[in-house]
């Protein structure tokens, strides 16, 4: 009877699917964070260029 129960536990894959979805969500989150950080630096540089141009503009 115990061997049957252990066999059922080892064959059950429902938990594996949830773990896979969790790993996919974590990878997507990491990719989004990296992309947003890269864009943030680019946007900071662009706004700084515009600010410098406005500071140097003649009235």
C-alpha atoms as a PDB file:
ATOM      1  CA  UNK A   1       0.000   0.000   0.000  1.00  0.00           C
ATOM      2  CA  UNK A   2       2.819   2.445   0.804  1.00  0.00           C
ATOM      3  CA  UNK A   3       4.618   1.618  -2.446  1.00  0.00           C
ATOM      4  CA  UNK A   4       1.462   2.498  -4.369  1.00  0.00           C
ATOM      5  CA  UNK A   5       1.249   5.865  -2.633  1.00  0.00           C
ATOM      6  CA  UNK A   6       4.892   6.663  -3.325  1.00  0.00           C
ATOM      7  CA  UNK A   7       4.470   5.717  -6.967  1.00  0.00           C
ATOM      8  CA  UNK A   8       1.509   8.095  -7.293  1.00  0.00           C
ATOM      9  CA  UNK A   9       3.453  10.923  -5.655  1.00  0.00           C
ATOM     10  CA  UNK A  10       6.438  10.520  -7.983  1.00  0.00           C
ATOM     11  CA  UNK A  11       4.212  10.380 -11.092  1.00  0.00           C
ATOM     12  CA  UNK A  12       2.219  13.505 -10.159  1.00  0.00           C
ATOM     13  CA  UNK A  13       3.400  16.397 -12.362  1.00  0.00           C
ATOM     14  CA  UNK A  14       0.929  19.121 -11.382  1.00  0.00           C
ATOM     15  CA  UNK A  15       3.443  20.818  -9.083  1.00  0.00           C
ATOM     16  CA  UNK A  16       6.095  20.802 -11.796  1.00  0.00           C
ATOM     17  CA  UNK A  17       3.841  22.869 -14.077  1.00  0.00           C
ATOM     18  CA  UNK A  18       3.373  25.523 -11.406  1.00  0.00           C
ATOM     19  CA  UNK A  19       7.130  25.677 -10.846  1.00  0.00           C
ATOM     20  CA  UNK A  20       7.734  26.050 -14.583  1.00  0.00           C
ATOM     21  CA  UNK A  21       5.277  28.945 -14.792  1.00  0.00           C
ATOM     22  CA  UNK A  22       6.961  30.554 -11.801  1.00  0.00           C
ATOM     23  CA  UNK A  23      10.380  30.271 -13.432  1.00  0.00           C
ATOM     24  CA  UNK A  24       9.057  31.755 -16.685  1.00  0.00           C
ATOM     25  CA  UNK A  25       7.518  34.676 -14.793  1.00  0.00           C
ATOM     26  CA  UNK A  26      10.795  35.269 -12.959  1.00  0.00           C
ATOM     27  CA  UNK A  27      12.797  35.270 -16.208  1.00  0.00           C
ATOM     28  CA  UNK A  28      10.362  37.695 -17.863  1.00  0.00           C
ATOM     29  CA  UNK A  29      10.592  39.972 -14.822  1.00  0.00           C
ATOM     30  CA  UNK A  30      14.390  39.975 -14.894  1.00  0.00           C
ATOM     31  CA  UNK A  31      14.389  40.739 -18.635  1.00  0.00           C
ATOM     32  CA  UNK A  32      11.935  43.615 -18.123  1.00  0.00           C
ATOM     33  CA  UNK A  33      14.020  45.102 -15.308  1.00  0.00           C
ATOM     34  CA  UNK A  34      17.190  44.949 -17.387  1.00  0.00           C
ATOM     35  CA  UNK A  35      15.455  46.534 -20.404  1.00  0.00           C
ATOM     36  CA  UNK A  36      13.946  49.331 -18.321  1.00  0.00           C
ATOM     37  CA  UNK A  37      17.281  50.108 -16.682  1.00  0.00           C
ATOM     38  CA  UNK A  38      18.945  50.359 -20.090  1.00  0.00           C
ATOM     39  CA  UNK A  39      16.169  52.643 -21.343  1.00  0.00           C
ATOM     40  CA  UNK A  40      16.369  54.744 -18.192  1.00  0.00           C
ATOM     41  CA  UNK A  41      20.012  55.626 -18.813  1.00  0.00           C
ATOM     42  CA  UNK A  42      19.227  56.519 -22.415  1.00  0.00           C
ATOM     43  CA  UNK A  43      16.308  58.728 -21.394  1.00  0.00           C
ATOM     44  CA  UNK A  44      18.422  60.466 -18.769  1.00  0.00           C
ATOM     45  CA  UNK A  45      21.054  61.278 -21.394  1.00  0.00           C
ATOM     46  CA  UNK A  46      18.422  62.559 -23.826  1.00  0.00           C
ATOM     47  CA  UNK A  47      16.792  64.859 -21.254  1.00  0.00           C
ATOM     48  CA  UNK A  48      20.200  66.131 -20.168  1.00  0.00           C
ATOM     49  CA  UNK A  49      21.027  66.996 -23.798  1.00  0.00           C
ATOM     50  CA  UNK A  50      17.751  68.913 -24.128  1.00  0.00           C
ATOM     51  CA  UNK A  51      18.343  70.713 -20.814  1.00  0.00           C
ATOM     52  CA  UNK A  52      21.854  71.701 -21.893  1.00  0.00           C
ATOM     53  CA  UNK A  53      20.553  72.978 -25.221  1.00  0.00           C
ATOM     54  CA  UNK A  54      17.903  75.060 -23.467  1.00  0.00           C
ATOM     55  CA  UNK A  55      20.464  76.464 -21.017  1.00  0.00           C
ATOM     56  CA  UNK A  56      22.733  77.519 -23.913  1.00  0.00           C
ATOM     57  CA  UNK A  57      19.938  78.979 -26.045  1.00  0.00           C
ATOM     58  CA  UNK A  58      20.082  82.706 -26.664  1.00  0.00           C
ATOM     59  CA  UNK A  59      16.998  84.727 -25.691  1.00  0.00           C
END
